[in-house]
Amino acid sequence: MYEHVNIVDYDYLTHKAGGSKYLDVPTALIEKYKGLLPDFLLAVWERHGFTSHGKGYVWTVNPDDYMHIV
């Protein structure tokens, strides 16, 4: 779906800082946030899932898990 989005810099970050996927992102969640979040982030979710980088200092997360805070 987002193969047109260039995420070379993200791939470089993953290579330099390390990264590990902790969860795949369901297609329905990506569709839900289409047009609301940048295509770059959706492409990262699609290709890499939710991940942790830099020994846990940077995370990509499911925003639905934090809606109760907002």
N, C-alpha and C. Protein backbone atom coordinates (compact mmCIF):
# COMPACT_ATOMS: atom_id res chain seq x y z
N MET A 1 0.82 -1.19 0.00
CA MET A 1 0.00 0.00 0.00
C MET A 1 0.87 1.26 0.00
N TYR A 2 1.92 1.29 0.81
CA TYR A 2 2.77 2.47 0.92
C TYR A 2 4.16 2.23 0.35
N GLU A 3 4.26 1.36 -0.65
CA GLU A 3 5.57 1.08 -1.22
C GLU A 3 6.16 2.28 -1.94
N HIS A 4 5.34 3.29 -2.26
CA HIS A 4 5.82 4.50 -2.93
C HIS A 4 6.54 5.45 -1.96
N VAL A 5 6.41 5.24 -0.67
CA VAL A 5 7.01 6.13 0.33
C VAL A 5 8.44 5.69 0.59
N ASN A 6 9.36 6.63 0.48
CA ASN A 6 10.78 6.37 0.70
C ASN A 6 11.08 6.46 2.20
N ILE A 7 11.49 5.36 2.79
CA ILE A 7 11.82 5.37 4.21
C ILE A 7 13.29 5.00 4.43
N VAL A 8 14.13 5.39 3.50
CA VAL A 8 15.56 5.07 3.59
C VAL A 8 16.16 5.59 4.89
N ASP A 9 15.81 6.81 5.30
CA ASP A 9 16.36 7.36 6.55
C ASP A 9 15.96 6.52 7.75
N TYR A 10 14.73 6.02 7.74
CA TYR A 10 14.27 5.17 8.85
C TYR A 10 15.04 3.85 8.85
N ASP A 11 15.25 3.30 7.68
CA ASP A 11 16.03 2.07 7.58
C ASP A 11 17.45 2.30 8.10
N TYR A 12 18.01 3.47 7.82
CA TYR A 12 19.35 3.82 8.31
C TYR A 12 19.33 3.91 9.84
N LEU A 13 18.31 4.57 10.40
CA LEU A 13 18.18 4.67 11.86
C LEU A 13 18.13 3.27 12.46
N THR A 14 17.35 2.40 11.87
CA THR A 14 17.22 1.04 12.38
C THR A 14 18.57 0.33 12.36
N HIS A 15 19.31 0.56 11.29
CA HIS A 15 20.63 -0.06 11.17
C HIS A 15 21.60 0.49 12.21
N LYS A 16 21.62 1.81 12.39
CA LYS A 16 22.58 2.45 13.30
C LYS A 16 22.19 2.29 14.78
N ALA A 17 20.92 2.49 15.10
CA ALA A 17 20.50 2.49 16.49
C ALA A 17 19.95 1.14 16.94
N GLY A 18 19.80 0.24 16.01
CA GLY A 18 19.20 -1.04 16.34
C GLY A 18 17.69 -0.90 16.41
N GLY A 19 17.03 -1.96 16.21
CA GLY A 19 15.58 -1.93 16.26
C GLY A 19 15.04 -3.33 16.35
N SER A 20 13.92 -3.45 17.04
CA SER A 20 13.28 -4.74 17.12
C SER A 20 11.77 -4.56 17.08
N LYS A 21 11.13 -5.36 16.24
CA LYS A 21 9.67 -5.32 16.14
C LYS A 21 9.09 -6.04 17.34
N TYR A 22 8.05 -5.43 17.94
CA TYR A 22 7.38 -6.12 19.02
C TYR A 22 5.94 -6.46 18.67
N LEU A 23 5.44 -5.91 17.53
CA LEU A 23 4.07 -6.22 17.15
C LEU A 23 3.83 -5.82 15.70
N ASP A 24 3.15 -6.66 14.95
CA ASP A 24 2.72 -6.29 13.60
C ASP A 24 1.56 -5.32 13.71
N VAL A 25 1.44 -4.42 12.73
CA VAL A 25 0.36 -3.45 12.71
C VAL A 25 -0.73 -3.98 11.78
N PRO A 26 -1.95 -4.14 12.29
CA PRO A 26 -3.03 -4.63 11.45
C PRO A 26 -3.35 -3.62 10.33
N THR A 27 -3.69 -4.14 9.17
CA THR A 27 -4.05 -3.29 8.04
C THR A 27 -5.21 -2.36 8.39
N ALA A 28 -6.14 -2.84 9.18
CA ALA A 28 -7.29 -2.01 9.58
C ALA A 28 -6.85 -0.77 10.35
N LEU A 29 -5.82 -0.90 11.16
CA LEU A 29 -5.31 0.26 11.92
C LEU A 29 -4.64 1.26 10.99
N ILE A 30 -3.89 0.76 10.02
CA ILE A 30 -3.26 1.64 9.04
C ILE A 30 -4.33 2.39 8.25
N GLU A 31 -5.37 1.69 7.84
CA GLU A 31 -6.48 2.33 7.11
C GLU A 31 -7.18 3.37 7.98
N LYS A 32 -7.34 3.08 9.26
CA LYS A 32 -8.02 4.00 10.18
C LYS A 32 -7.29 5.35 10.25
N TYR A 33 -5.96 5.31 10.21
CA TYR A 33 -5.18 6.53 10.36
C TYR A 33 -4.72 7.14 9.04
N LYS A 34 -5.12 6.53 7.92
CA LYS A 34 -4.79 7.09 6.60
C LYS A 34 -5.42 8.47 6.48
N GLY A 35 -4.61 9.44 6.12
CA GLY A 35 -5.09 10.82 6.02
C GLY A 35 -5.00 11.60 7.32
N LEU A 36 -4.81 10.91 8.41
CA LEU A 36 -4.68 11.56 9.72
C LEU A 36 -3.22 11.63 10.16
N LEU A 37 -2.46 10.59 9.83
CA LEU A 37 -1.03 10.55 10.15
C LEU A 37 -0.24 10.62 8.85
N PRO A 38 1.00 11.06 8.94
CA PRO A 38 1.83 11.16 7.72
C PRO A 38 2.01 9.79 7.06
N ASP A 39 2.04 9.79 5.73
CA ASP A 39 2.28 8.56 4.97
C ASP A 39 3.58 7.89 5.40
N PHE A 40 4.58 8.68 5.76
CA PHE A 40 5.86 8.13 6.19
C PHE A 40 5.66 7.20 7.39
N LEU A 41 4.93 7.64 8.39
CA LEU A 41 4.70 6.82 9.58
C LEU A 41 3.90 5.58 9.24
N LEU A 42 2.89 5.74 8.40
CA LEU A 42 2.09 4.58 8.00
C LEU A 42 2.93 3.57 7.22
N ALA A 43 3.86 4.06 6.41
CA ALA A 43 4.76 3.18 5.67
C ALA A 43 5.68 2.42 6.63
N VAL A 44 6.16 3.11 7.66
CA VAL A 44 7.00 2.46 8.67
C VAL A 44 6.20 1.37 9.36
N TRP A 45 4.98 1.68 9.78
CA TRP A 45 4.12 0.68 10.42
C TRP A 45 3.93 -0.52 9.52
N GLU A 46 3.64 -0.24 8.25
CA GLU A 46 3.36 -1.31 7.30
C GLU A 46 4.58 -2.22 7.10
N ARG A 47 5.74 -1.63 6.99
CA ARG A 47 6.95 -2.41 6.68
C ARG A 47 7.63 -3.00 7.91
N HIS A 48 7.59 -2.28 9.03
CA HIS A 48 8.36 -2.71 10.20
C HIS A 48 7.51 -3.06 11.42
N GLY A 49 6.23 -2.72 11.40
CA GLY A 49 5.39 -2.95 12.57
C GLY A 49 5.68 -1.92 13.65
N PHE A 50 5.19 -2.17 14.84
CA PHE A 50 5.54 -1.32 15.98
C PHE A 50 6.90 -1.78 16.47
N THR A 51 7.81 -0.83 16.66
CA THR A 51 9.20 -1.18 16.95
C THR A 51 9.77 -0.36 18.09
N SER A 52 10.87 -0.87 18.59
CA SER A 52 11.67 -0.19 19.62
C SER A 52 13.06 0.04 19.04
N HIS A 53 13.63 1.21 19.32
CA HIS A 53 14.97 1.55 18.81
C HIS A 53 15.83 2.11 19.92
N GLY A 54 17.15 2.04 19.69
CA GLY A 54 18.09 2.66 20.62
C GLY A 54 17.95 2.13 22.03
N LYS A 55 17.89 0.82 22.18
CA LYS A 55 17.76 0.18 23.49
C LYS A 55 16.51 0.63 24.23
N GLY A 56 15.45 0.88 23.47
CA GLY A 56 14.17 1.23 24.08
C GLY A 56 13.92 2.71 24.28
N TYR A 57 14.78 3.57 23.76
CA TYR A 57 14.60 5.00 23.94
C TYR A 57 13.56 5.59 22.99
N VAL A 58 13.36 4.97 21.83
CA VAL A 58 12.40 5.45 20.84
C VAL A 58 11.48 4.28 20.47
N TRP A 59 10.17 4.54 20.50
CA TRP A 59 9.19 3.51 20.19
C TRP A 59 8.20 4.03 19.16
N THR A 60 7.73 3.14 18.29
CA THR A 60 6.53 3.43 17.52
C THR A 60 5.42 2.62 18.18
N VAL A 61 4.30 3.27 18.44
CA VAL A 61 3.25 2.65 19.24
C VAL A 61 1.88 2.80 18.57
N ASN A 62 0.94 2.06 19.08
CA ASN A 62 -0.44 2.15 18.64
C ASN A 62 -1.11 3.33 19.35
N PRO A 63 -1.51 4.36 18.62
CA PRO A 63 -2.14 5.51 19.28
C PRO A 63 -3.44 5.17 19.99
N ASP A 64 -4.12 4.12 19.54
CA ASP A 64 -5.37 3.73 20.21
C ASP A 64 -5.14 3.33 21.65
N ASP A 65 -3.94 2.85 21.96
CA ASP A 65 -3.62 2.45 23.33
C ASP A 65 -3.54 3.64 24.28
N TYR A 66 -3.49 4.87 23.74
CA TYR A 66 -3.31 6.06 24.56
C TYR A 66 -4.48 7.04 24.45
N MET A 67 -5.55 6.64 23.82
CA MET A 67 -6.71 7.53 23.64
C MET A 67 -7.34 7.92 24.98
N HIS A 68 -7.24 7.08 25.96
CA HIS A 68 -7.81 7.40 27.27
C HIS A 68 -7.09 8.56 27.95
N ILE A 69 -5.88 8.85 27.52
CA ILE A 69 -5.11 9.96 28.09
C ILE A 69 -5.49 11.28 27.43
N VAL A 70 -5.79 11.21 26.14
CA VAL A 70 -6.04 12.43 25.37
C VAL A 70 -7.33 13.08 25.73
